[in-house]
Protein backbone atom coordinates (compact mmCIF):
# COMPACT_ATOMS: atom_id res chain seq x y z
CA MET A 1 0.13 33.17 -76.73
CA LYS A 2 1.55 30.83 -74.79
CA ARG A 3 -1.13 29.21 -73.86
CA ASP A 4 -1.83 28.30 -77.51
CA LEU A 5 1.35 27.38 -77.91
CA GLU A 6 1.29 24.45 -75.33
CA LEU A 7 -2.45 23.82 -76.52
CA ASP A 8 -0.92 22.66 -80.08
CA ARG A 9 1.66 21.06 -78.94
CA LEU A 10 -0.02 18.94 -76.85
CA THR A 11 -2.37 17.68 -79.16
CA THR A 12 0.42 17.51 -82.13
CA LEU A 13 2.21 15.08 -78.71
CA LEU A 14 -1.24 13.12 -78.37
CA GLY A 15 -1.79 12.71 -82.14
CA GLN A 16 1.70 10.99 -83.03
CA CYS A 17 1.19 9.15 -79.47
CA LEU A 18 -2.08 8.19 -80.93
CA GLY A 19 -0.64 6.83 -84.73
CA ARG A 20 2.28 4.74 -83.06
CA ILE A 21 -0.05 3.14 -81.21
CA ASP A 22 -2.14 2.67 -84.01
CA GLU A 23 0.76 1.36 -86.01
CA GLN A 24 1.83 -1.16 -83.48
CA ALA A 25 -1.31 -2.39 -83.31
CA TYR A 26 -1.80 -2.99 -87.13
CA ARG A 27 1.71 -4.59 -87.27
CA LEU A 28 -0.03 -6.90 -84.38
CA GLN A 29 -2.85 -7.62 -86.80
CA GLN A 30 -0.63 -8.22 -89.69
CA VAL A 31 0.76 -11.63 -87.54
CA ASP A 32 -2.50 -12.19 -87.05
CA ASP A 33 -3.50 -12.43 -90.43
CA GLU A 34 -0.26 -14.52 -90.98
CA ALA A 35 0.22 -16.63 -88.50
CA GLU A 36 -3.39 -16.64 -86.64
CA ASP A 37 -1.16 -16.27 -83.05
CA GLU A 38 -4.80 -15.73 -80.38
CA THR A 39 -1.97 -14.27 -78.09
CA ASP A 40 -1.06 -11.58 -80.64
CA ASP A 41 -4.92 -11.20 -81.32
CA GLY A 42 -5.04 -10.15 -77.48
CA VAL A 43 -2.04 -7.83 -77.44
CA ALA A 44 -3.72 -6.06 -80.77
CA ASP A 45 -7.32 -5.49 -78.90
CA VAL A 46 -5.74 -4.28 -75.49
CA LEU A 47 -3.42 -1.64 -77.62
CA GLU A 48 -6.95 -0.67 -79.57
CA THR A 49 -8.65 -0.49 -75.95
CA GLU A 50 -5.77 1.89 -74.52
CA ALA A 51 -5.47 4.09 -77.68
CA ALA A 52 -9.40 4.63 -77.24
CA ARG A 53 -9.28 5.44 -73.43
CA LEU A 54 -6.19 7.87 -74.50
CA GLN A 55 -8.73 9.77 -77.00
CA GLU A 56 -11.22 9.84 -74.01
CA LEU A 57 -9.07 11.13 -71.69
CA VAL A 58 -8.30 14.04 -74.14
CA SER A 59 -11.45 15.15 -75.10
CA SER A 60 -12.39 15.70 -72.05
CA LEU A 61 -8.99 17.57 -71.11
CA LEU A 62 -10.11 19.84 -74.38
CA GLU A 63 -13.59 20.65 -72.78
CA ARG A 64 -12.30 21.92 -69.74
CA ALA A 65 -9.41 24.18 -71.60
CA ASP A 66 -10.16 27.75 -71.11
CA ALA A 67 -10.25 28.37 -75.25
CA PRO A 68 -12.08 30.05 -77.77
CA GLU A 69 -15.43 28.25 -78.67
CA GLN A 70 -14.17 28.66 -82.74
CA SER A 71 -11.78 27.39 -84.71
CA ASP A 72 -10.39 27.91 -88.42
CA LEU A 73 -10.74 24.80 -90.02
CA ASP A 74 -8.16 25.52 -93.04
CA GLU A 75 -5.65 26.49 -90.83
CA VAL A 76 -6.04 23.40 -88.42
CA VAL A 77 -5.83 21.03 -91.56
CA HIS A 78 -2.80 22.70 -92.59
CA ALA A 79 -0.43 22.47 -89.59
CA SER A 80 -1.88 18.99 -88.43
CA VAL A 81 -1.36 17.58 -92.44
CA ARG A 82 2.47 19.24 -92.02
CA GLY A 83 2.78 17.49 -88.47
CA CYS A 84 1.42 14.18 -89.75
CA MET A 85 3.63 13.62 -92.80
CA GLN A 86 6.91 14.52 -90.76
CA GLU A 87 6.03 11.72 -88.46
CA LEU A 88 4.64 9.44 -90.97
CA GLY A 89 7.47 6.83 -91.62
CA SER A 90 7.11 6.06 -95.78
CA PRO A 91 6.75 8.49 -98.76
CA ILE A 92 3.09 9.63 -99.64
CA VAL A 93 1.66 11.98 -102.23
CA VAL A 94 -0.15 14.49 -100.41
CA ARG A 95 -3.01 16.63 -102.58
CA GLN A 96 -4.74 19.77 -100.54
CA ARG A 97 -7.69 21.78 -101.56
CA LEU A 98 -8.73 24.22 -99.27
CA ALA A 99 -12.05 26.37 -99.44
CA GLY A 100 -10.19 29.45 -97.84
CA GLU A 101 -12.14 32.08 -95.67
CA LEU A 102 -14.95 29.24 -93.80
CA PRO A 103 -16.52 30.34 -91.16
CA PRO A 104 -15.11 29.51 -88.14
CA ILE A 105 -15.90 25.95 -86.60
CA ALA A 106 -18.28 25.60 -83.74
CA CYS A 107 -15.58 23.92 -81.44
CA THR A 108 -12.21 24.90 -79.76
CA PRO A 109 -9.17 25.04 -81.58
CA GLY A 110 -7.64 21.97 -79.64
CA GLN A 111 -10.81 19.64 -79.70
CA LEU A 112 -10.77 20.57 -83.24
CA ALA A 113 -7.11 19.77 -84.35
CA TYR A 114 -7.19 16.57 -82.27
CA ALA A 115 -10.19 15.08 -84.41
CA VAL A 116 -8.52 15.95 -87.69
CA GLN A 117 -5.11 14.45 -86.27
CA ARG A 118 -7.18 11.64 -85.51
CA ALA A 119 -8.84 11.09 -88.83
CA LEU A 120 -5.59 11.63 -90.80
CA VAL A 121 -3.94 9.18 -88.21
CA LEU A 122 -6.36 6.66 -89.57
CA ALA A 123 -6.52 7.82 -93.60
CA THR A 124 -2.57 7.41 -93.60
CA SER A 125 -1.87 4.19 -91.77
CA ARG A 126 -2.98 2.13 -94.52
CA LEU A 127 -1.45 3.73 -97.31
CA ASP A 128 1.21 2.03 -99.03
CA VAL A 129 4.32 3.48 -100.49
CA GLY A 130 3.36 6.10 -103.17
CA GLY A 131 -0.03 6.02 -102.11
CA GLU A 132 -2.11 9.17 -102.41
CA LEU A 133 -4.37 11.30 -99.56
CA ARG A 134 -6.62 14.22 -101.13
CA VAL A 135 -7.68 16.26 -98.42
CA THR A 136 -10.59 18.86 -99.28
CA THR A 137 -11.86 21.26 -97.55
CA ARG A 138 -15.66 23.02 -98.21
CA ARG A 139 -18.93 24.56 -96.97
CA GLU A 140 -22.26 22.67 -96.93
CA ASP A 141 -24.96 24.79 -95.79
CA ASP A 142 -24.64 25.20 -92.12
CA CYS A 143 -21.69 23.32 -92.00
CA ALA A 144 -17.87 23.00 -93.01
CA VAL A 145 -17.02 19.46 -94.48
CA LEU A 146 -13.28 18.02 -94.06
CA GLU A 147 -13.07 14.96 -96.48
CA LEU A 148 -9.70 12.44 -96.51
CA GLU A 149 -9.31 10.33 -99.24
CA GLY A 150 -6.46 7.84 -99.41
CA GLN A 151 -6.12 6.06 -102.85
CA GLY A 152 -3.90 3.34 -102.76
CA THR A 153 -5.08 2.02 -99.00
CA ARG A 154 -5.05 -1.79 -98.01
CA ASN A 155 -8.63 -2.95 -96.79
CA ASP A 156 -8.92 -3.18 -92.80
CA ARG A 157 -11.39 -4.78 -91.63
CA ASN A 158 -11.59 -3.68 -88.62
CA ILE A 159 -11.96 0.17 -89.78
CA GLN A 160 -15.18 1.23 -88.43
CA ASP A 161 -14.14 -0.31 -85.25
CA ARG A 162 -10.98 1.66 -85.16
CA SER A 163 -13.08 4.74 -86.23
CA GLN A 164 -15.67 4.90 -83.41
CA THR A 165 -14.00 6.90 -81.03
CA LEU A 166 -12.96 9.27 -83.65
CA CYS A 167 -16.93 9.37 -84.35
CA ASP A 168 -18.13 9.43 -80.69
CA PHE A 169 -15.76 12.65 -80.54
CA VAL A 170 -17.01 14.79 -83.13
CA THR A 171 -20.66 14.25 -82.24
CA SER A 172 -19.58 15.57 -79.08
CA PHE A 173 -19.43 19.18 -80.28
CA ARG A 174 -22.26 18.29 -82.80
CA GLY A 175 -20.39 17.14 -85.63
CA THR A 176 -20.61 13.76 -87.78
CA CYS A 177 -18.26 11.32 -89.01
CA ARG A 178 -18.37 9.03 -91.89
CA VAL A 179 -15.65 6.16 -92.70
CA ALA A 180 -16.07 4.01 -95.39
CA TYR A 181 -14.55 2.66 -98.10
CA ASP A 182 -15.24 2.78 -102.13
CA GLU A 183 -15.03 0.35 -104.79
CA GLN A 184 -12.02 0.55 -105.46
CA GLN A 185 -10.95 0.13 -101.57
CA ASN A 186 -9.90 3.67 -101.40
CA LEU A 187 -10.67 4.80 -97.88
CA LEU A 188 -13.06 7.94 -97.66
CA ILE A 189 -13.45 9.57 -93.50
CA VAL A 190 -15.67 12.76 -94.03
CA LEU A 191 -16.40 14.50 -91.06
CA GLU A 192 -19.11 17.29 -91.36
CA LEU A 193 -18.29 20.13 -88.32
CA PRO A 194 -20.69 22.73 -87.45
CA LEU A 195 -19.90 26.27 -87.79
CA ALA A 196 -20.02 28.55 -85.26
CA LEU A 197 -22.46 31.37 -87.58
CA ALA A 198 -25.11 28.59 -87.96
CA ILE A 199 -25.29 27.74 -83.76
CA ASP A 200 -25.42 31.36 -82.96
CA GLU A 201 -27.74 32.71 -85.34
CA ARG A 202 -30.46 29.79 -83.96
């Protein structure tokens, strides 16, 4: 129990750290757009690189952790959303529709928590005050799906680059991640995560 609490605390702190790095990078990008300062652009690139390195380090540590190889998606999402809202500086509306009683996910709780927290950072970092975040979980065949939709999002031309480390991380435990904007410029992040039962049956 104590180990689980420490792992939860570690993943929460790391998620918050990445959120702060991501926000600073965005602020520098805003300065770039207004002033076209190449020095600021270089600093933003360094911050993005450091965030990617931090994520790689965390994924490596979590893979070595002596933790169960199954996770409860709804439980992790609920806790991660609560932590993200406490960290977020501006007020937004959050609407959750969690499936309930999903089969366990085929990864450690730390891996899942980290993926969910990083996805939340990406989904909320471009929301204006009063914007809306919709969080949905459901089952589709042999996987569970987490869908994050940011309504009222400011377009980020670098979103594909910024989300690449998350996509790579999710792929490392046989999941997939898709990130895109719709016609109304709402950001959509979809994680498809393998079910433990589906893997055990093979």
